[in-house]
PDB file of all heavy atoms in Angstrom:
ATOM      1  N   THR A   1       7.303  -5.571   6.421  1.00  0.00           N
ATOM      2  CA  THR A   1       8.453  -6.114   7.155  1.00  0.00           C
ATOM      3  C   THR A   1       9.319  -6.989   6.248  1.00  0.00           C
ATOM      4  O   THR A   1      10.552  -6.858   6.234  1.00  0.00           O
ATOM      5  CB  THR A   1       7.968  -6.935   8.373  1.00  0.00           C
ATOM      6  OG1 THR A   1       7.188  -6.095   9.216  1.00  0.00           O
ATOM      7  CG2 THR A   1       9.135  -7.504   9.158  1.00  0.00           C
ATOM      8  N   ALA A   2       8.674  -7.864   5.482  1.00  0.00           N
ATOM      9  CA  ALA A   2       9.422  -8.730   4.569  1.00  0.00           C
ATOM     10  C   ALA A   2      10.140  -7.916   3.500  1.00  0.00           C
ATOM     11  O   ALA A   2      11.285  -8.216   3.127  1.00  0.00           O
ATOM     12  CB  ALA A   2       8.481  -9.741   3.923  1.00  0.00           C
ATOM     13  N   THR A   3       9.509  -6.853   3.010  1.00  0.00           N
ATOM     14  CA  THR A   3      10.118  -6.006   1.988  1.00  0.00           C
ATOM     15  C   THR A   3      11.330  -5.268   2.542  1.00  0.00           C
ATOM     16  O   THR A   3      12.361  -5.146   1.871  1.00  0.00           O
ATOM     17  CB  THR A   3       9.083  -5.001   1.440  1.00  0.00           C
ATOM     18  OG1 THR A   3       7.957  -5.739   0.948  1.00  0.00           O
ATOM     19  CG2 THR A   3       9.665  -4.167   0.331  1.00  0.00           C
ATOM     20  N   ASP A   4      11.211  -4.771   3.775  1.00  0.00           N
ATOM     21  CA  ASP A   4      12.357  -4.105   4.406  1.00  0.00           C
ATOM     22  C   ASP A   4      13.537  -5.064   4.565  1.00  0.00           C
ATOM     23  O   ASP A   4      14.690  -4.705   4.289  1.00  0.00           O
ATOM     24  CB  ASP A   4      11.961  -3.528   5.771  1.00  0.00           C
ATOM     25  CG  ASP A   4      11.133  -2.256   5.652  1.00  0.00           C
ATOM     26  OD1 ASP A   4      11.216  -1.577   4.594  1.00  0.00           O
ATOM     27  OD2 ASP A   4      10.397  -1.933   6.610  1.00  0.00           O
ATOM     28  N   LYS A   5      13.261  -6.308   4.980  1.00  0.00           N
ATOM     29  CA  LYS A   5      14.334  -7.308   5.118  1.00  0.00           C
ATOM     30  C   LYS A   5      14.945  -7.636   3.766  1.00  0.00           C
ATOM     31  O   LYS A   5      16.167  -7.772   3.645  1.00  0.00           O
ATOM     32  CB  LYS A   5      13.789  -8.588   5.763  1.00  0.00           C
ATOM     33  CG  LYS A   5      13.490  -8.450   7.231  1.00  0.00           C
ATOM     34  CD  LYS A   5      12.936  -9.749   7.793  1.00  0.00           C
ATOM     35  CE  LYS A   5      12.560  -9.591   9.248  1.00  0.00           C
ATOM     36  NZ  LYS A   5      11.957 -10.818   9.775  1.00  0.00           N
ATOM     37  N   PHE A   6      14.109  -7.746   2.742  1.00  0.00           N
ATOM     38  CA  PHE A   6      14.591  -8.023   1.394  1.00  0.00           C
ATOM     39  C   PHE A   6      15.481  -6.877   0.896  1.00  0.00           C
ATOM     40  O   PHE A   6      16.534  -7.107   0.304  1.00  0.00           O
ATOM     41  CB  PHE A   6      13.403  -8.235   0.451  1.00  0.00           C
ATOM     42  CG  PHE A   6      13.797  -8.667  -0.925  1.00  0.00           C
ATOM     43  CD1 PHE A   6      14.317  -9.929  -1.161  1.00  0.00           C
ATOM     44  CD2 PHE A   6      13.642  -7.808  -2.003  1.00  0.00           C
ATOM     45  CE1 PHE A   6      14.674 -10.332  -2.430  1.00  0.00           C
ATOM     46  CE2 PHE A   6      13.999  -8.205  -3.275  1.00  0.00           C
ATOM     47  CZ  PHE A   6      14.518  -9.473  -3.493  1.00  0.00           C
ATOM     48  N   ALA A   7      15.085  -5.644   1.155  1.00  0.00           N
ATOM     49  CA  ALA A   7      15.875  -4.476   0.736  1.00  0.00           C
ATOM     50  C   ALA A   7      17.238  -4.476   1.430  1.00  0.00           C
ATOM     51  O   ALA A   7      18.253  -4.138   0.813  1.00  0.00           O
ATOM     52  CB  ALA A   7      15.113  -3.191   1.040  1.00  0.00           C
ATOM     53  N   GLN A   8      17.276  -4.868   2.708  1.00  0.00           N
ATOM     54  CA  GLN A   8      18.557  -4.946   3.424  1.00  0.00           C
ATOM     55  C   GLN A   8      19.472  -5.992   2.795  1.00  0.00           C
ATOM     56  O   GLN A   8      20.661  -5.765   2.611  1.00  0.00           O
ATOM     57  CB  GLN A   8      18.331  -5.277   4.897  1.00  0.00           C
ATOM     58  CG  GLN A   8      17.801  -4.129   5.718  1.00  0.00           C
ATOM     59  CD  GLN A   8      17.517  -4.545   7.160  1.00  0.00           C
ATOM     60  OE1 GLN A   8      17.557  -5.725   7.504  1.00  0.00           O
ATOM     61  NE2 GLN A   8      17.210  -3.555   7.985  1.00  0.00           N
ATOM     62  N   LYS A   9      18.892  -7.156   2.456  1.00  0.00           N
ATOM     63  CA  LYS A   9      19.679  -8.217   1.837  1.00  0.00           C
ATOM     64  C   LYS A   9      20.184  -7.811   0.455  1.00  0.00           C
ATOM     65  O   LYS A   9      21.223  -8.283  -0.004  1.00  0.00           O
ATOM     66  CB  LYS A   9      18.862  -9.506   1.732  1.00  0.00           C
ATOM     67  CG  LYS A   9      18.673 -10.191   3.058  1.00  0.00           C
ATOM     68  CD  LYS A   9      17.924 -11.492   2.906  1.00  0.00           C
ATOM     69  CE  LYS A   9      17.767 -12.150   4.264  1.00  0.00           C
ATOM     70  NZ  LYS A   9      17.091 -13.436   4.190  1.00  0.00           N
ATOM     71  N   MET A  10      19.426  -6.951  -0.226  1.00  0.00           N
ATOM     72  CA  MET A  10      19.820  -6.473  -1.555  1.00  0.00           C
ATOM     73  C   MET A  10      20.728  -5.237  -1.473  1.00  0.00           C
ATOM     74  O   MET A  10      21.016  -4.622  -2.479  1.00  0.00           O
ATOM     75  CB  MET A  10      18.574  -6.136  -2.374  1.00  0.00           C
ATOM     76  CG  MET A  10      17.677  -7.330  -2.654  1.00  0.00           C
ATOM     77  SD  MET A  10      18.428  -8.542  -3.736  1.00  0.00           S
ATOM     78  CE  MET A  10      18.526  -7.641  -5.248  1.00  0.00           C
ATOM     79  N   ASN A  11      21.138  -4.884  -0.238  1.00  0.00           N
ATOM     80  CA  ASN A  11      22.010  -3.715  -0.003  1.00  0.00           C
ATOM     81  C   ASN A  11      21.394  -2.419  -0.530  1.00  0.00           C
ATOM     82  O   ASN A  11      22.056  -1.633  -1.216  1.00  0.00           O
ATOM     83  CB  ASN A  11      23.400  -3.947  -0.591  1.00  0.00           C
ATOM     84  CG  ASN A  11      24.143  -5.035   0.158  1.00  0.00           C
ATOM     85  OD1 ASN A  11      24.023  -5.144   1.375  1.00  0.00           O
ATOM     86  ND2 ASN A  11      24.880  -5.841  -0.578  1.00  0.00           N
ATOM     87  N   ILE A  12      20.124  -2.201  -0.219  1.00  0.00           N
ATOM     88  CA  ILE A  12      19.443  -0.939  -0.537  1.00  0.00           C
ATOM     89  C   ILE A  12      19.140  -0.278   0.810  1.00  0.00           C
ATOM     90  O   ILE A  12      18.053  -0.431   1.363  1.00  0.00           O
ATOM     91  CB  ILE A  12      18.144  -1.185  -1.345  1.00  0.00           C
ATOM     92  CG1 ILE A  12      18.437  -2.063  -2.558  1.00  0.00           C
ATOM     93  CG2 ILE A  12      17.512   0.140  -1.755  1.00  0.00           C
ATOM     94  CD1 ILE A  12      17.199  -2.519  -3.293  1.00  0.00           C
ATOM     95  N   PRO A  13      20.089   0.475   1.369  1.00  0.00           N
ATOM     96  CA  PRO A  13      19.969   0.963   2.746  1.00  0.00           C
ATOM     97  C   PRO A  13      18.907   2.057   2.948  1.00  0.00           C
ATOM     98  O   PRO A  13      18.355   2.173   4.030  1.00  0.00           O
ATOM     99  CB  PRO A  13      21.358   1.507   3.048  1.00  0.00           C
ATOM    100  CG  PRO A  13      21.944   1.843   1.727  1.00  0.00           C
ATOM    101  CD  PRO A  13      21.350   0.871   0.748  1.00  0.00           C
ATOM    102  N   ASP A  14      18.611   2.851   1.933  1.00  0.00           N
ATOM    103  CA  ASP A  14      17.693   3.980   2.132  1.00  0.00           C
ATOM    104  C   ASP A  14      16.232   3.649   1.827  1.00  0.00           C
ATOM    105  O   ASP A  14      15.382   4.518   1.841  1.00  0.00           O
ATOM    106  CB  ASP A  14      18.141   5.176   1.287  1.00  0.00           C
ATOM    107  CG  ASP A  14      18.232   4.835  -0.190  1.00  0.00           C
ATOM    108  OD1 ASP A  14      18.395   3.643  -0.503  1.00  0.00           O
ATOM    109  OD2 ASP A  14      18.150   5.760  -1.018  1.00  0.00           O
ATOM    110  N   PHE A  15      15.915   2.373   1.582  1.00  0.00           N
ATOM    111  CA  PHE A  15      14.530   1.985   1.270  1.00  0.00           C
ATOM    112  C   PHE A  15      13.763   1.675   2.554  1.00  0.00           C
ATOM    113  O   PHE A  15      14.245   0.971   3.429  1.00  0.00           O
ATOM    114  CB  PHE A  15      14.497   0.759   0.358  1.00  0.00           C
ATOM    115  CG  PHE A  15      13.102   0.278   0.077  1.00  0.00           C
ATOM    116  CD1 PHE A  15      12.331   0.881  -0.906  1.00  0.00           C
ATOM    117  CD2 PHE A  15      12.544  -0.745   0.813  1.00  0.00           C
ATOM    118  CE1 PHE A  15      11.039   0.454  -1.153  1.00  0.00           C
ATOM    119  CE2 PHE A  15      11.253  -1.187   0.570  1.00  0.00           C
ATOM    120  CZ  PHE A  15      10.497  -0.578  -0.414  1.00  0.00           C
ATOM    121  N   ARG A  16      12.551   2.194   2.678  1.00  0.00           N
ATOM    122  CA  ARG A  16      11.627   1.862   3.770  1.00  0.00           C
ATOM    123  C   ARG A  16      10.251   1.621   3.171  1.00  0.00           C
ATOM    124  O   ARG A  16       9.733   2.465   2.443  1.00  0.00           O
ATOM    125  CB  ARG A  16      11.530   2.982   4.810  1.00  0.00           C
ATOM    126  CG  ARG A  16      12.786   3.230   5.592  1.00  0.00           C
ATOM    127  CD  ARG A  16      13.044   2.071   6.584  1.00  0.00           C
ATOM    128  NE  ARG A  16      14.364   2.201   7.157  1.00  0.00           N
ATOM    129  CZ  ARG A  16      15.408   1.444   6.831  1.00  0.00           C
ATOM    130  NH1 ARG A  16      15.284   0.513   5.919  1.00  0.00           N
ATOM    131  NH2 ARG A  16      16.568   1.610   7.396  1.00  0.00           N
ATOM    132  N   ALA A  17       9.655   0.499   3.494  1.00  0.00           N
ATOM    133  CA  ALA A  17       8.314   0.176   2.999  1.00  0.00           C
ATOM    134  C   ALA A  17       7.296   0.933   3.848  1.00  0.00           C
ATOM    135  O   ALA A  17       6.933   0.518   4.931  1.00  0.00           O
ATOM    136  CB  ALA A  17       8.070  -1.324   3.080  1.00  0.00           C
ATOM    137  N   SER A  18       6.808   2.041   3.333  1.00  0.00           N
ATOM    138  CA  SER A  18       5.836   2.880   4.044  1.00  0.00           C
ATOM    139  C   SER A  18       4.415   2.460   3.665  1.00  0.00           C
ATOM    140  O   SER A  18       4.206   1.621   2.785  1.00  0.00           O
ATOM    141  CB  SER A  18       6.051   4.336   3.681  1.00  0.00           C
ATOM    142  OG  SER A  18       5.778   4.522   2.293  1.00  0.00           O
ATOM    143  N   GLU A  19       3.430   3.073   4.313  1.00  0.00           N
ATOM    144  CA  GLU A  19       2.025   2.820   3.964  1.00  0.00           C
ATOM    145  C   GLU A  19       1.761   3.238   2.520  1.00  0.00           C
ATOM    146  O   GLU A  19       1.043   2.569   1.792  1.00  0.00           O
ATOM    147  CB  GLU A  19       1.083   3.574   4.903  1.00  0.00           C
ATOM    148  CG  GLU A  19       0.882   2.920   6.239  1.00  0.00           C
ATOM    149  CD  GLU A  19       0.227   1.552   6.139  1.00  0.00           C
ATOM    150  OE1 GLU A  19      -0.726   1.374   5.352  1.00  0.00           O
ATOM    151  OE2 GLU A  19       0.667   0.641   6.865  1.00  0.00           O
ATOM    152  N   ARG A  20       2.341   4.360   2.113  1.00  0.00           N
ATOM    153  CA  ARG A  20       2.152   4.846   0.739  1.00  0.00           C
ATOM    154  C   ARG A  20       2.768   3.860  -0.260  1.00  0.00           C
ATOM    155  O   ARG A  20       2.178   3.553  -1.289  1.00  0.00           O
ATOM    156  CB  ARG A  20       2.785   6.230   0.590  1.00  0.00           C
ATOM    157  CG  ARG A  20       2.471   6.880  -0.726  1.00  0.00           C
ATOM    158  CD  ARG A  20       2.787   8.374  -0.670  1.00  0.00           C
ATOM    159  NE  ARG A  20       2.405   8.979  -1.924  1.00  0.00           N
ATOM    160  CZ  ARG A  20       3.255   9.364  -2.863  1.00  0.00           C
ATOM    161  NH1 ARG A  20       4.545   9.252  -2.658  1.00  0.00           N
ATOM    162  NH2 ARG A  20       2.829   9.883  -3.981  1.00  0.00           N
ATOM    163  N   TRP A  21       3.977   3.353   0.063  1.00  0.00           N
ATOM    164  CA  TRP A  21       4.610   2.353  -0.798  1.00  0.00           C
ATOM    165  C   TRP A  21       3.714   1.111  -0.903  1.00  0.00           C
ATOM    166  O   TRP A  21       3.502   0.577  -1.995  1.00  0.00           O
ATOM    167  CB  TRP A  21       5.982   1.950  -0.251  1.00  0.00           C
ATOM    168  CG  TRP A  21       6.590   0.834  -1.044  1.00  0.00           C
ATOM    169  CD1 TRP A  21       7.354   0.937  -2.165  1.00  0.00           C
ATOM    170  CD2 TRP A  21       6.406  -0.576  -0.806  1.00  0.00           C
ATOM    171  NE1 TRP A  21       7.662  -0.320  -2.639  1.00  0.00           N
ATOM    172  CE2 TRP A  21       7.089  -1.263  -1.821  1.00  0.00           C
ATOM    173  CE3 TRP A  21       5.740  -1.312   0.160  1.00  0.00           C
ATOM    174  CZ2 TRP A  21       7.135  -2.645  -1.883  1.00  0.00           C
ATOM    175  CZ3 TRP A  21       5.773  -2.691   0.090  1.00  0.00           C
ATOM    176  CH2 TRP A  21       6.468  -3.344  -0.924  1.00  0.00           C
ATOM    177  N   LEU A  22       3.176   0.655   0.231  1.00  0.00           N
ATOM    178  CA  LEU A  22       2.326  -0.535   0.243  1.00  0.00           C
ATOM    179  C   LEU A  22       1.080  -0.320  -0.611  1.00  0.00           C
ATOM    180  O   LEU A  22       0.692  -1.195  -1.382  1.00  0.00           O
ATOM    181  CB  LEU A  22       1.921  -0.891   1.674  1.00  0.00           C
ATOM    182  CG  LEU A  22       1.007  -2.104   1.829  1.00  0.00           C
ATOM    183  CD1 LEU A  22       1.686  -3.370   1.317  1.00  0.00           C
ATOM    184  CD2 LEU A  22       0.592  -2.265   3.283  1.00  0.00           C
ATOM    185  N   GLN A  23       0.471   0.860  -0.511  1.00  0.00           N
ATOM    186  CA  GLN A  23      -0.731   1.147  -1.304  1.00  0.00           C
ATOM    187  C   GLN A  23      -0.420   1.112  -2.803  1.00  0.00           C
ATOM    188  O   GLN A  23      -1.175   0.545  -3.586  1.00  0.00           O
ATOM    189  CB  GLN A  23      -1.317   2.517  -0.905  1.00  0.00           C
ATOM    190  CG  GLN A  23      -2.722   2.724  -1.376  1.00  0.00           C
ATOM    191  CD  GLN A  23      -3.673   1.676  -0.822  1.00  0.00           C
ATOM    192  OE1 GLN A  23      -3.654   1.341   0.345  1.00  0.00           O
ATOM    193  NE2 GLN A  23      -4.507   1.128  -1.671  1.00  0.00           N
ATOM    194  N   ARG A  24       0.696   1.719  -3.210  1.00  0.00           N
ATOM    195  CA  ARG A  24       1.079   1.698  -4.623  1.00  0.00           C
ATOM    196  C   ARG A  24       1.393   0.268  -5.084  1.00  0.00           C
ATOM    197  O   ARG A  24       1.038  -0.130  -6.191  1.00  0.00           O
ATOM    198  CB  ARG A  24       2.290   2.617  -4.867  1.00  0.00           C
ATOM    199  CG  ARG A  24       1.936   4.096  -4.755  1.00  0.00           C
ATOM    200  CD  ARG A  24       3.034   5.023  -5.266  1.00  0.00           C
ATOM    201  NE  ARG A  24       4.384   4.598  -4.959  1.00  0.00           N
ATOM    202  CZ  ARG A  24       5.126   5.067  -3.959  1.00  0.00           C
ATOM    203  NH1 ARG A  24       4.662   5.998  -3.163  1.00  0.00           N
ATOM    204  NH2 ARG A  24       6.353   4.627  -3.774  1.00  0.00           N
ATOM    205  N   PHE A  25       2.071  -0.517  -4.219  1.00  0.00           N
ATOM    206  CA  PHE A  25       2.380  -1.917  -4.531  1.00  0.00           C
ATOM    207  C   PHE A  25       1.093  -2.705  -4.760  1.00  0.00           C
ATOM    208  O   PHE A  25       0.971  -3.462  -5.726  1.00  0.00           O
ATOM    209  CB  PHE A  25       3.205  -2.523  -3.381  1.00  0.00           C
ATOM    210  CG  PHE A  25       3.509  -3.980  -3.557  1.00  0.00           C
ATOM    211  CD1 PHE A  25       4.565  -4.402  -4.346  1.00  0.00           C
ATOM    212  CD2 PHE A  25       2.733  -4.950  -2.915  1.00  0.00           C
ATOM    213  CE1 PHE A  25       4.855  -5.757  -4.504  1.00  0.00           C
ATOM    214  CE2 PHE A  25       3.010  -6.296  -3.064  1.00  0.00           C
ATOM    215  CZ  PHE A  25       4.073  -6.700  -3.861  1.00  0.00           C
ATOM    216  N   LYS A  26       0.111  -2.545  -3.858  1.00  0.00           N
ATOM    217  CA  LYS A  26      -1.161  -3.262  -3.991  1.00  0.00           C
ATOM    218  C   LYS A  26      -1.895  -2.840  -5.264  1.00  0.00           C
ATOM    219  O   LYS A  26      -2.458  -3.685  -5.965  1.00  0.00           O
ATOM    220  CB  LYS A  26      -2.040  -3.031  -2.760  1.00  0.00           C
ATOM    221  CG  LYS A  26      -1.481  -3.697  -1.517  1.00  0.00           C
ATOM    222  CD  LYS A  26      -2.405  -3.709  -0.315  1.00  0.00           C
ATOM    223  CE  LYS A  26      -3.025  -2.412   0.044  1.00  0.00           C
ATOM    224  NZ  LYS A  26      -3.780  -2.442   1.308  1.00  0.00           N
ATOM    225  N   ASN A  27      -1.887  -1.556  -5.583  1.00  0.00           N
ATOM    226  CA  ASN A  27      -2.546  -1.088  -6.814  1.00  0.00           C
ATOM    227  C   ASN A  27      -1.859  -1.642  -8.060  1.00  0.00           C
ATOM    228  O   ASN A  27      -2.514  -2.078  -8.997  1.00  0.00           O
ATOM    229  CB  ASN A  27      -2.578   0.434  -6.867  1.00  0.00           C
ATOM    230  CG  ASN A  27      -3.555   1.028  -5.880  1.00  0.00           C
ATOM    231  OD1 ASN A  27      -4.479   0.349  -5.426  1.00  0.00           O
ATOM    232  ND2 ASN A  27      -3.347   2.278  -5.518  1.00  0.00           N
ATOM    233  N   ARG A  28      -0.527  -1.618  -8.060  1.00  0.00           N
ATOM    234  CA  ARG A  28       0.241  -2.076  -9.214  1.00  0.00           C
ATOM    235  C   ARG A  28       0.015  -3.570  -9.486  1.00  0.00           C
ATOM    236  O   ARG A  28      -0.042  -4.003 -10.622  1.00  0.00           O
ATOM    237  CB  ARG A  28       1.733  -1.795  -8.966  1.00  0.00           C
ATOM    238  CG  ARG A  28       2.658  -2.149 -10.106  1.00  0.00           C
ATOM    239  CD  ARG A  28       4.100  -1.643  -9.926  1.00  0.00           C
ATOM    240  NE  ARG A  28       4.661  -1.799  -8.614  1.00  0.00           N
ATOM    241  CZ  ARG A  28       4.873  -0.809  -7.728  1.00  0.00           C
ATOM    242  NH1 ARG A  28       4.551   0.434  -8.032  1.00  0.00           N
ATOM    243  NH2 ARG A  28       5.400  -1.051  -6.547  1.00  0.00           N
ATOM    244  N   HIS A  29      -0.127  -4.350  -8.418  1.00  0.00           N
ATOM    245  CA  HIS A  29      -0.268  -5.808  -8.571  1.00  0.00           C
ATOM    246  C   HIS A  29      -1.710  -6.283  -8.381  1.00  0.00           C
ATOM    247  O   HIS A  29      -1.949  -7.480  -8.249  1.00  0.00           O
ATOM    248  CB  HIS A  29       0.674  -6.528  -7.608  1.00  0.00           C
ATOM    249  CG  HIS A  29       2.111  -6.279  -7.914  1.00  0.00           C
ATOM    250  ND1 HIS A  29       2.751  -6.869  -8.980  1.00  0.00           N
ATOM    251  CD2 HIS A  29       3.020  -5.471  -7.325  1.00  0.00           C
ATOM    252  CE1 HIS A  29       4.008  -6.452  -9.023  1.00  0.00           C
ATOM    253  NE2 HIS A  29       4.191  -5.597  -8.034  1.00  0.00           N
ATOM    254  N   ASN A  30      -2.645  -5.343  -8.377  1.00  0.00           N
ATOM    255  CA  ASN A  30      -4.075  -5.664  -8.298  1.00  0.00           C
ATOM    256  C   ASN A  30      -4.384  -6.517  -7.062  1.00  0.00           C
ATOM    257  O   ASN A  30      -5.042  -7.554  -7.137  1.00  0.00           O
ATOM    258  CB  ASN A  30      -4.523  -6.384  -9.571  1.00  0.00           C
ATOM    259  CG  ASN A  30      -6.005  -6.213  -9.811  1.00  0.00           C
ATOM    260  OD1 ASN A  30      -6.633  -5.315  -9.250  1.00  0.00           O
ATOM    261  ND2 ASN A  30      -6.569  -7.065 -10.640  1.00  0.00           N
ATOM    262  N   ILE A  31      -3.905  -6.079  -5.896  1.00  0.00           N
ATOM    263  CA  ILE A  31      -4.097  -6.789  -4.635  1.00  0.00           C
ATOM    264  C   ILE A  31      -5.071  -5.989  -3.776  1.00  0.00           C
ATOM    265  O   ILE A  31      -4.966  -4.775  -3.662  1.00  0.00           O
ATOM    266  CB  ILE A  31      -2.756  -6.965  -3.887  1.00  0.00           C
ATOM    267  CG1 ILE A  31      -1.836  -7.870  -4.700  1.00  0.00           C
ATOM    268  CG2 ILE A  31      -2.975  -7.523  -2.489  1.00  0.00           C
ATOM    269  CD1 ILE A  31      -0.431  -7.970  -4.164  1.00  0.00           C
ATOM    270  N   LYS A  32      -6.013  -6.704  -3.149  1.00  0.00           N
ATOM    271  CA  LYS A  32      -7.014  -6.060  -2.314  1.00  0.00           C
ATOM    272  C   LYS A  32      -7.209  -6.881  -1.045  1.00  0.00           C
ATOM    273  O   LYS A  32      -6.988  -8.090  -1.038  1.00  0.00           O
ATOM    274  CB  LYS A  32      -8.338  -5.965  -3.090  1.00  0.00           C
ATOM    275  CG  LYS A  32      -9.371  -5.112  -2.425  1.00  0.00           C
ATOM    276  CD  LYS A  32     -10.567  -4.935  -3.335  1.00  0.00           C
ATOM    277  CE  LYS A  32     -11.566  -4.046  -2.620  1.00  0.00           C
ATOM    278  NZ  LYS A  32     -12.752  -3.828  -3.392  1.00  0.00           N
ATOM    279  N   ASN A  33      -7.643  -6.239   0.025  1.00  0.00           N
ATOM    280  CA  ASN A  33      -7.918  -6.924   1.282  1.00  0.00           C
ATOM    281  C   ASN A  33      -9.186  -7.759   1.133  1.00  0.00           C
ATOM    282  O   ASN A  33     -10.227  -7.247   0.769  1.00  0.00           O
ATOM    283  CB  ASN A  33      -8.092  -5.879   2.396  1.00  0.00           C
ATOM    284  CG  ASN A  33      -7.993  -6.479   3.765  1.00  0.00           C
ATOM    285  OD1 ASN A  33      -7.402  -7.538   3.930  1.00  0.00           O
ATOM    286  ND2 ASN A  33      -8.561  -5.818   4.745  1.00  0.00           N
ATOM    287  N   ARG A  34      -9.105  -9.056   1.379  1.00  0.00           N
ATOM    288  CA  ARG A  34     -10.238  -9.955   1.229  1.00  0.00           C
ATOM    289  C   ARG A  34     -10.447 -10.753   2.513  1.00  0.00           C
ATOM    290  O   ARG A  34      -9.496 -11.099   3.205  1.00  0.00           O
ATOM    291  CB  ARG A  34     -10.013 -10.952   0.079  1.00  0.00           C
ATOM    292  CG  ARG A  34     -10.019 -10.317  -1.269  1.00  0.00           C
ATOM    293  CD  ARG A  34     -11.416  -9.892  -1.591  1.00  0.00           C
ATOM    294  NE  ARG A  34     -11.472  -9.426  -2.969  1.00  0.00           N
ATOM    295  CZ  ARG A  34     -12.434  -8.673  -3.422  1.00  0.00           C
ATOM    296  NH1 ARG A  34     -13.397  -8.276  -2.638  1.00  0.00           N
ATOM    297  NH2 ARG A  34     -12.439  -8.284  -4.669  1.00  0.00           N
ATOM    298  N   LYS A  35     -11.692 -11.086   2.791  1.00  0.00           N
ATOM    299  CA  LYS A  35     -12.040 -11.892   3.946  1.00  0.00           C
ATOM    300  C   LYS A  35     -11.760 -13.361   3.634  1.00  0.00           C
ATOM    301  O   LYS A  35     -12.091 -13.845   2.569  1.00  0.00           O
ATOM    302  CB  LYS A  35     -13.514 -11.707   4.283  1.00  0.00           C
ATOM    303  CG  LYS A  35     -13.976 -12.461   5.506  1.00  0.00           C
ATOM    304  CD  LYS A  35     -15.364 -12.020   5.878  1.00  0.00           C
ATOM    305  CE  LYS A  35     -15.954 -12.781   7.032  1.00  0.00           C
ATOM    306  NZ  LYS A  35     -15.133 -13.123   8.116  1.00  0.00           N
ATOM    307  N   VAL A  36     -11.139 -14.061   4.590  1.00  0.00           N
ATOM    308  CA  VAL A  36     -10.932 -15.496   4.473  1.00  0.00           C
ATOM    309  C   VAL A  36     -12.273 -16.146   4.775  1.00  0.00           C
ATOM    310  O   VAL A  36     -12.859 -15.917   5.828  1.00  0.00           O
ATOM    311  CB  VAL A  36      -9.847 -15.992   5.451  1.00  0.00           C
ATOM    312  CG1 VAL A  36      -9.717 -17.499   5.401  1.00  0.00           C
ATOM    313  CG2 VAL A  36      -8.521 -15.326   5.137  1.00  0.00           C
ATOM    314  N   CYS A  37     -12.776 -16.931   3.847  1.00  0.00           N
ATOM    315  CA  CYS A  37     -14.144 -17.456   3.931  1.00  0.00           C
ATOM    316  C   CYS A  37     -14.203 -18.798   4.632  1.00  0.00           C
ATOM    317  O   CYS A  37     -13.798 -19.813   4.078  1.00  0.00           O
ATOM    318  CB  CYS A  37     -14.743 -17.597   2.532  1.00  0.00           C
ATOM    319  SG  CYS A  37     -14.785 -16.049   1.644  1.00  0.00           S
ATOM    320  N   GLY A  38     -14.724 -18.799   5.822  1.00  0.00           N
ATOM    321  CA  GLY A  38     -15.075 -20.023   6.532  1.00  0.00           C
ATOM    322  C   GLY A  38     -13.954 -21.018   6.679  1.00  0.00           C
ATOM    323  O   GLY A  38     -12.795 -20.663   6.814  1.00  0.00           O
ATOM    324  N   GLU A  39     -14.341 -22.261   6.648  1.00  0.00           N
ATOM    325  CA  GLU A  39     -13.419 -23.364   6.883  1.00  0.00           C
ATOM    326  C   GLU A  39     -13.495 -24.360   5.749  1.00  0.00           C
ATOM    327  O   GLU A  39     -13.355 -25.564   5.931  1.00  0.00           O
ATOM    328  CB  GLU A  39     -13.781 -24.035   8.211  1.00  0.00           C
ATOM    329  CG  GLU A  39     -13.735 -23.081   9.390  1.00  0.00           C
ATOM    330  CD  GLU A  39     -14.385 -23.661  10.635  1.00  0.00           C
ATOM    331  OE1 GLU A  39     -15.008 -24.733  10.560  1.00  0.00           O
ATOM    332  OE2 GLU A  39     -14.268 -23.028  11.674  1.00  0.00           O
ATOM    333  N   SER A  40     -13.709 -23.868   4.529  1.00  0.00           N
ATOM    334  CA  SER A  40     -13.972 -24.750   3.392  1.00  0.00           C
ATOM    335  C   SER A  40     -12.852 -25.750   3.125  1.00  0.00           C
ATOM    336  O   SER A  40     -13.116 -26.844   2.642  1.00  0.00           O
ATOM    337  CB  SER A  40     -14.253 -23.927   2.132  1.00  0.00           C
ATOM    338  OG  SER A  40     -13.141 -23.123   1.804  1.00  0.00           O
ATOM    339  N   LEU A  41     -11.628 -25.405   3.435  1.00  0.00           N
ATOM    340  CA  LEU A  41     -10.531 -26.342   3.190  1.00  0.00           C
ATOM    341  C   LEU A  41     -10.458 -27.432   4.247  1.00  0.00           C
ATOM    342  O   LEU A  41      -9.736 -28.413   4.081  1.00  0.00           O
ATOM    343  CB  LEU A  41      -9.201 -25.587   3.114  1.00  0.00           C
ATOM    344  CG  LEU A  41      -9.089 -24.566   1.978  1.00  0.00           C
ATOM    345  CD1 LEU A  41      -7.752 -23.856   2.041  1.00  0.00           C
ATOM    346  CD2 LEU A  41      -9.277 -25.237   0.626  1.00  0.00           C
ATOM    347  N   SER A  42     -11.214 -27.292   5.350  1.00  0.00           N
ATOM    348  CA  SER A  42     -11.224 -28.296   6.412  1.00  0.00           C
ATOM    349  C   SER A  42     -12.443 -29.204   6.341  1.00  0.00           C
ATOM    350  O   SER A  42     -12.558 -30.137   7.118  1.00  0.00           O
ATOM    351  CB  SER A  42     -11.218 -27.604   7.780  1.00  0.00           C
ATOM    352  OG  SER A  42     -10.081 -26.795   7.914  1.00  0.00           O
ATOM    353  N   ALA A  43     -13.382 -28.944   5.450  1.00  0.00           N
ATOM    354  CA  ALA A  43     -14.649 -29.676   5.405  1.00  0.00           C
ATOM    355  C   ALA A  43     -14.493 -31.065   4.783  1.00  0.00           C
ATOM    356  O   ALA A  43     -13.718 -31.255   3.859  1.00  0.00           O
ATOM    357  CB  ALA A  43     -15.678 -28.883   4.611  1.00  0.00           C
ATOM    358  N   ASP A  44     -15.271 -32.013   5.282  1.00  0.00           N
ATOM    359  CA  ASP A  44     -15.312 -33.368   4.736  1.00  0.00           C
ATOM    360  C   ASP A  44     -16.476 -33.432   3.746  1.00  0.00           C
ATOM    361  O   ASP A  44     -17.585 -33.820   4.103  1.00  0.00           O
ATOM    362  CB  ASP A  44     -15.497 -34.382   5.862  1.00  0.00           C
ATOM    363  CG  ASP A  44     -15.606 -35.809   5.363  1.00  0.00           C
ATOM    364  OD1 ASP A  44     -15.292 -36.057   4.180  1.00  0.00           O
ATOM    365  OD2 ASP A  44     -16.008 -36.680   6.147  1.00  0.00           O
ATOM    366  N   THR A  45     -16.241 -33.048   2.505  1.00  0.00           N
ATOM    367  CA  THR A  45     -17.304 -32.957   1.505  1.00  0.00           C
ATOM    368  C   THR A  45     -17.751 -34.316   0.992  1.00  0.00           C
ATOM    369  O   THR A  45     -18.855 -34.443   0.472  1.00  0.00           O
ATOM    370  CB  THR A  45     -16.847 -32.092   0.315  1.00  0.00           C
ATOM    371  OG1 THR A  45     -15.637 -32.628  -0.208  1.00  0.00           O
ATOM    372  CG2 THR A  45     -16.619 -30.655   0.747  1.00  0.00           C
TER     373      THR A  45
END
């Protein structure tokens, strides 16, 4: 959604961020789905 809005602002009317585009983007930038672990940032250590 953010990429589609960015493309509109950049006047690129024929661009659509598809699932295939997202997969290639994640591979290119070494991004993977990760689990958010617990509440470690809220703990009183």
